[in-house]
N, C-alpha and C. Protein backbone atom coordinates (compact mmCIF):
# COMPACT_ATOMS: atom_id res chain seq x y z
N GLN A 1 91.98 70.60 142.43
CA GLN A 1 93.03 70.87 143.38
C GLN A 1 93.07 70.09 144.31
N VAL A 2 93.63 69.51 145.27
CA VAL A 2 93.64 68.45 145.94
C VAL A 2 92.86 69.09 147.50
N GLN A 3 92.29 68.97 147.84
CA GLN A 3 91.27 69.62 149.25
C GLN A 3 91.19 68.29 150.44
N LEU A 4 91.17 68.60 151.52
CA LEU A 4 91.05 67.34 152.62
C LEU A 4 90.18 68.97 153.55
N VAL A 5 88.96 68.44 153.73
CA VAL A 5 87.93 69.53 154.92
C VAL A 5 87.23 68.96 155.98
N GLU A 6 87.92 69.24 156.68
CA GLU A 6 87.35 68.50 158.15
C GLU A 6 86.21 69.90 158.49
N SER A 7 85.26 68.44 159.03
CA SER A 7 84.06 69.48 160.20
C SER A 7 83.71 68.47 161.33
N GLY A 8 83.09 69.00 161.77
CA GLY A 8 82.27 68.61 162.90
C GLY A 8 83.00 68.89 164.19
N GLY A 9 83.77 69.22 164.47
CA GLY A 9 84.24 69.94 165.44
C GLY A 9 83.66 70.91 166.65
N GLY A 10 83.57 71.14 167.49
CA GLY A 10 82.97 71.53 168.26
C GLY A 10 83.43 71.89 170.12
N LEU A 11 82.53 71.96 170.82
CA LEU A 11 82.52 72.25 172.16
C LEU A 11 81.06 71.44 173.17
N VAL A 12 82.10 70.18 173.96
CA VAL A 12 81.82 69.10 173.72
C VAL A 12 81.78 68.97 175.77
N GLN A 13 80.73 68.64 176.67
CA GLN A 13 81.00 68.48 177.91
C GLN A 13 82.05 67.16 178.28
N PRO A 14 82.45 66.47 179.20
CA PRO A 14 83.46 65.25 179.61
C PRO A 14 82.33 64.25 179.47
N GLY A 15 82.81 63.24 179.02
CA GLY A 15 82.15 62.03 178.21
C GLY A 15 81.20 62.05 177.47
N GLY A 16 81.12 63.29 176.24
CA GLY A 16 79.94 63.69 175.46
C GLY A 16 80.41 62.91 174.29
N SER A 17 80.01 63.26 172.95
CA SER A 17 80.82 63.03 171.44
C SER A 17 80.37 63.66 170.83
N LEU A 18 81.26 63.12 169.80
CA LEU A 18 81.50 64.16 168.62
C LEU A 18 81.66 63.10 167.33
N ARG A 19 81.17 63.78 166.66
CA ARG A 19 82.15 63.13 164.81
C ARG A 19 82.71 63.66 164.18
N LEU A 20 83.54 63.76 163.59
CA LEU A 20 84.29 64.59 162.84
C LEU A 20 84.32 63.93 161.32
N SER A 21 84.13 64.78 160.56
CA SER A 21 84.61 64.26 159.17
C SER A 21 85.96 65.08 158.28
N CYS A 22 85.81 63.93 157.23
CA CYS A 22 87.35 64.22 156.60
C CYS A 22 86.48 64.51 154.38
N ALA A 23 86.22 65.31 154.11
CA ALA A 23 85.67 65.63 152.82
C ALA A 23 87.24 65.30 151.90
N ALA A 24 87.25 64.43 150.90
CA ALA A 24 88.68 64.48 149.78
C ALA A 24 87.69 65.28 148.86
N SER A 25 88.77 65.59 147.79
CA SER A 25 89.00 65.82 146.30
C SER A 25 89.87 66.04 145.68
N GLY A 26 89.89 65.74 144.83
CA GLY A 26 91.44 66.06 143.92
C GLY A 26 91.89 64.78 143.62
N PHE A 27 91.73 64.13 144.59
CA PHE A 27 92.82 62.74 144.04
C PHE A 27 91.97 61.58 144.23
N THR A 28 92.24 59.98 143.75
CA THR A 28 91.57 59.13 144.34
C THR A 28 91.80 58.47 145.53
N PHE A 29 90.95 58.97 146.29
CA PHE A 29 90.67 58.45 147.68
C PHE A 29 90.95 57.31 148.02
N SER A 30 90.37 56.42 146.97
CA SER A 30 90.29 54.70 147.66
C SER A 30 91.34 54.33 147.94
N ASN A 31 92.92 54.81 147.16
CA ASN A 31 94.11 54.51 146.71
C ASN A 31 94.97 55.17 148.49
N PHE A 32 94.09 56.15 148.99
CA PHE A 32 95.09 56.13 150.34
C PHE A 32 94.32 55.69 151.41
N VAL A 33 95.86 55.73 152.23
CA VAL A 33 96.11 55.44 153.69
C VAL A 33 95.57 56.77 154.37
N MET A 34 94.58 56.95 155.49
CA MET A 34 93.69 58.17 155.87
C MET A 34 94.13 57.75 157.13
N ARG A 35 94.44 59.03 157.47
CA ARG A 35 95.09 59.01 159.13
C ARG A 35 94.47 60.64 160.03
N TRP A 36 93.89 60.14 161.20
CA TRP A 36 93.59 61.97 161.78
C TRP A 36 94.77 61.75 163.03
N TYR A 37 95.13 62.93 163.16
CA TYR A 37 96.48 63.50 163.86
C TYR A 37 95.75 64.97 164.88
N ARG A 38 96.26 65.12 165.71
CA ARG A 38 95.54 65.87 166.94
C ARG A 38 96.98 66.99 167.20
N GLN A 39 96.65 68.31 167.29
CA GLN A 39 97.84 68.95 168.64
C GLN A 39 97.22 70.09 169.12
N ALA A 40 97.35 69.61 170.60
CA ALA A 40 96.87 70.18 171.59
C ALA A 40 97.73 71.54 171.83
N PRO A 41 97.18 72.80 172.73
CA PRO A 41 97.97 74.11 172.51
C PRO A 41 99.54 73.62 173.20
N GLY A 42 100.46 74.31 172.42
CA GLY A 42 101.83 74.00 173.19
C GLY A 42 102.58 72.40 173.10
N LYS A 43 101.39 71.58 172.57
CA LYS A 43 102.42 70.45 172.19
C LYS A 43 102.14 70.12 170.75
N GLU A 44 103.59 68.87 170.40
CA GLU A 44 103.53 68.42 169.00
C GLU A 44 102.40 67.49 168.45
N ARG A 45 101.98 67.54 166.90
CA ARG A 45 101.08 67.00 166.51
C ARG A 45 101.21 65.45 166.91
N GLU A 46 100.06 65.14 167.12
CA GLU A 46 100.34 63.28 167.62
C GLU A 46 99.35 62.89 166.54
N TRP A 47 99.85 61.51 165.93
CA TRP A 47 98.99 60.30 165.36
C TRP A 47 98.11 59.83 166.73
N VAL A 48 96.71 59.79 166.02
CA VAL A 48 95.77 59.40 166.50
C VAL A 48 95.11 58.00 165.81
N ALA A 49 94.68 58.11 164.69
CA ALA A 49 94.66 57.08 164.44
C ALA A 49 94.73 57.05 162.91
N THR A 50 95.00 55.21 162.23
CA THR A 50 94.64 55.22 160.56
C THR A 50 93.92 54.18 160.13
N ILE A 51 93.36 54.48 158.70
CA ILE A 51 92.68 53.56 158.24
C ILE A 51 93.40 52.89 156.93
N THR A 52 93.54 51.71 156.71
CA THR A 52 93.88 51.62 155.22
C THR A 52 93.38 51.50 154.30
N SER A 53 93.71 51.38 152.76
CA SER A 53 92.91 51.39 151.97
C SER A 53 91.44 50.24 151.59
N LEU A 54 92.43 49.54 152.40
CA LEU A 54 91.46 48.17 152.54
C LEU A 54 90.46 48.29 153.88
N SER A 55 90.51 49.56 154.55
CA SER A 55 89.54 49.70 155.92
C SER A 55 90.62 49.07 157.17
N SER A 56 91.89 48.50 156.92
CA SER A 56 92.49 47.95 158.58
C SER A 56 92.60 49.21 159.54
N THR A 57 92.19 48.97 160.76
CA THR A 57 92.78 50.06 161.81
C THR A 57 93.55 49.90 162.51
N ASN A 58 94.21 51.18 163.15
CA ASN A 58 95.03 51.41 164.51
C ASN A 58 94.89 52.49 165.14
N TYR A 59 94.92 52.19 166.30
CA TYR A 59 94.80 53.35 167.35
C TYR A 59 95.20 53.68 168.41
N LEU A 60 96.02 55.32 168.71
CA LEU A 60 96.98 55.23 169.82
C LEU A 60 95.97 54.76 170.75
N ASP A 61 97.05 54.51 171.57
CA ASP A 61 96.04 53.93 173.41
C ASP A 61 95.31 54.30 173.94
N SER A 62 95.69 55.30 174.29
CA SER A 62 94.89 56.61 174.70
C SER A 62 93.58 56.20 174.38
N VAL A 63 93.33 56.69 172.90
CA VAL A 63 91.75 56.61 172.27
C VAL A 63 90.84 55.20 171.86
N GLU A 64 91.83 53.97 171.84
CA GLU A 64 91.75 53.14 171.66
C GLU A 64 90.12 52.57 172.58
N GLY A 65 88.69 52.11 172.17
CA GLY A 65 87.91 51.79 172.65
C GLY A 65 87.09 53.17 172.44
N ARG A 66 87.34 54.20 172.73
CA ARG A 66 86.69 55.10 172.78
C ARG A 66 86.46 55.79 171.48
N PHE A 67 87.40 55.75 170.07
CA PHE A 67 87.43 56.93 168.94
C PHE A 67 87.16 55.33 168.00
N THR A 68 86.18 55.91 166.52
CA THR A 68 86.05 54.66 165.79
C THR A 68 86.75 55.58 164.63
N ILE A 69 87.73 55.03 163.68
CA ILE A 69 88.02 55.26 162.51
C ILE A 69 87.45 54.55 161.18
N SER A 70 86.71 55.33 160.25
CA SER A 70 86.13 54.95 159.40
C SER A 70 86.36 55.51 157.92
N ARG A 71 85.73 54.84 156.87
CA ARG A 71 86.04 55.58 155.81
C ARG A 71 84.89 55.18 154.62
N ASP A 72 84.41 56.07 153.77
CA ASP A 72 82.96 55.79 152.77
C ASP A 72 83.97 56.37 151.72
N ASN A 73 84.31 55.14 150.65
CA ASN A 73 85.07 55.48 149.32
C ASN A 73 84.09 56.05 148.20
N ALA A 74 83.05 55.83 148.48
CA ALA A 74 82.05 56.29 147.12
C ALA A 74 82.09 58.14 147.86
N ALA A 75 81.74 57.60 148.29
CA ALA A 75 81.55 59.44 148.91
C ALA A 75 83.07 60.06 149.44
N ASN A 76 83.98 59.73 149.16
CA ASN A 76 85.59 60.32 149.36
C ASN A 76 85.54 61.11 150.40
N THR A 77 85.40 60.65 152.04
CA THR A 77 85.01 60.75 153.29
C THR A 77 85.34 60.01 153.98
N MET A 78 86.14 60.43 155.56
CA MET A 78 86.95 59.56 156.13
C MET A 78 86.03 60.31 157.63
N TYR A 79 85.97 59.29 158.57
CA TYR A 79 85.40 59.75 159.76
C TYR A 79 86.22 58.85 161.00
N LEU A 80 85.64 60.10 162.17
CA LEU A 80 86.13 59.40 163.32
C LEU A 80 85.34 59.80 164.68
N GLN A 81 84.58 58.94 165.07
CA GLN A 81 83.62 58.99 165.91
C GLN A 81 84.54 59.00 166.80
N MET A 82 84.03 59.91 168.02
CA MET A 82 84.86 59.96 168.94
C MET A 82 83.88 60.35 170.27
N ASN A 83 83.86 59.34 171.31
CA ASN A 83 82.95 58.98 172.53
C ASN A 83 83.88 58.89 174.20
N SER A 84 82.95 59.22 174.93
CA SER A 84 83.73 59.20 175.63
C SER A 84 84.58 60.29 176.21
N LEU A 85 84.40 61.61 175.80
CA LEU A 85 85.49 62.54 175.33
C LEU A 85 85.98 62.89 176.58
N LYS A 86 87.49 63.24 176.63
CA LYS A 86 88.10 63.96 177.97
C LYS A 86 88.76 64.93 177.69
N PRO A 87 89.00 65.67 178.93
CA PRO A 87 89.56 67.28 178.59
C PRO A 87 90.54 66.91 178.18
N GLU A 88 91.61 65.87 178.27
CA GLU A 88 93.23 65.88 177.47
C GLU A 88 92.54 65.39 175.88
N ASP A 89 91.44 65.42 175.41
CA ASP A 89 91.12 65.11 173.64
C ASP A 89 91.30 66.54 173.12
N THR A 90 91.13 67.60 173.69
CA THR A 90 90.69 68.89 173.23
C THR A 90 92.07 69.05 172.29
N ALA A 91 92.16 69.46 171.43
CA ALA A 91 93.42 69.47 170.52
C ALA A 91 92.40 70.12 169.14
N VAL A 92 93.38 70.52 168.17
CA VAL A 92 93.10 70.82 166.78
C VAL A 92 92.88 69.67 166.61
N TYR A 93 92.07 68.74 165.38
CA TYR A 93 92.43 67.48 164.69
C TYR A 93 92.26 67.89 162.96
N TYR A 94 93.29 67.07 162.71
CA TYR A 94 93.22 67.04 161.29
C TYR A 94 92.98 65.50 160.59
N CYS A 95 92.99 65.61 159.21
CA CYS A 95 93.02 64.88 158.56
C CYS A 95 94.24 64.53 157.46
N ASN A 96 94.85 63.38 157.15
CA ASN A 96 95.78 63.53 156.26
C ASN A 96 95.81 62.41 155.35
N ALA A 97 96.10 61.99 154.28
CA ALA A 97 96.39 61.37 152.89
C ALA A 97 97.91 61.03 152.79
N ALA A 98 97.88 59.75 153.04
CA ALA A 98 98.77 59.63 152.33
C ALA A 98 99.16 58.02 151.53
N ARG A 99 100.22 58.32 150.56
CA ARG A 99 100.18 56.92 149.84
C ARG A 99 101.82 57.30 149.11
N THR A 100 102.48 55.86 149.15
CA THR A 100 103.17 55.44 148.62
C THR A 100 103.69 54.45 146.99
N TYR A 101 103.96 55.15 146.00
CA TYR A 101 103.68 54.27 145.07
C TYR A 101 105.33 53.85 144.10
N GLY A 102 106.06 53.05 144.65
CA GLY A 102 107.17 52.70 144.18
C GLY A 102 108.19 53.68 144.64
N PRO A 103 108.56 54.63 143.55
CA PRO A 103 109.38 55.81 144.14
C PRO A 103 108.24 56.97 144.49
N ARG A 104 107.35 57.59 144.58
CA ARG A 104 106.50 58.21 144.56
C ARG A 104 105.75 58.23 145.81
N THR A 105 105.66 59.40 145.94
CA THR A 105 105.00 59.65 147.29
C THR A 105 103.97 60.82 147.74
N TRP A 106 102.94 60.88 148.00
CA TRP A 106 102.12 61.87 148.09
C TRP A 106 101.30 62.21 149.80
N ASN A 107 101.48 63.03 149.97
CA ASN A 107 101.18 63.69 151.37
C ASN A 107 100.39 64.44 151.18
N TYR A 108 99.02 64.67 151.96
CA TYR A 108 98.34 66.02 152.04
C TYR A 108 97.26 65.98 153.45
N TRP A 109 97.34 67.08 153.79
CA TRP A 109 96.72 67.75 155.13
C TRP A 109 95.58 68.81 154.92
N GLY A 110 94.90 68.83 155.52
CA GLY A 110 93.25 69.29 156.28
C GLY A 110 93.66 70.25 156.86
N GLN A 111 92.62 71.60 157.24
CA GLN A 111 93.48 72.93 157.59
C GLN A 111 92.81 72.51 159.22
N GLY A 112 91.92 71.37 159.50
CA GLY A 112 92.00 71.08 161.18
C GLY A 112 90.42 71.75 161.41
N THR A 113 90.37 71.34 162.96
CA THR A 113 89.23 71.78 163.10
C THR A 113 89.33 70.97 164.52
N GLN A 114 88.49 72.48 165.72
CA GLN A 114 89.05 72.32 166.64
C GLN A 114 87.67 71.48 167.95
N VAL A 115 88.59 70.43 168.83
CA VAL A 115 87.61 69.78 169.47
C VAL A 115 87.92 70.70 170.84
N THR A 116 87.18 70.62 171.58
CA THR A 116 87.37 71.35 172.94
C THR A 116 86.12 70.76 174.22
N VAL A 117 86.80 69.76 174.76
CA VAL A 117 85.82 69.28 175.61
C VAL A 117 86.26 69.55 177.33
N SER A 118 84.73 70.24 177.53
CA SER A 118 85.37 71.11 178.98
C SER A 118 83.87 71.64 179.28
N SER A 119 83.94 71.02 180.79
CA SER A 119 82.40 71.65 181.77
C SER A 119 82.19 73.02 181.86
């Protein structure tokens, strides 16, 4: 069955770094656009970054230059390197896999990993 499993979250001080991973199984990872989203307490889930199947990337303005999204198709894994973390980055981070092929669409979500930025 399809699984997306995030890991790497935790508690970090402002200015610190974390690397999130999203391990995928049950589908052809290389064909999918992969995204990171986050949801802070009391807020809507928001998009953070995208990496296409050809590894083109896009970022939310507030994380541009601090976060780097990448993927390893051989390992079926996506990453989010987060540097210069700020308290406002505190959220549950979710990975998403999506694909549209003709009339068909696929959309999968992980269970999330908590990132807390605090001194």
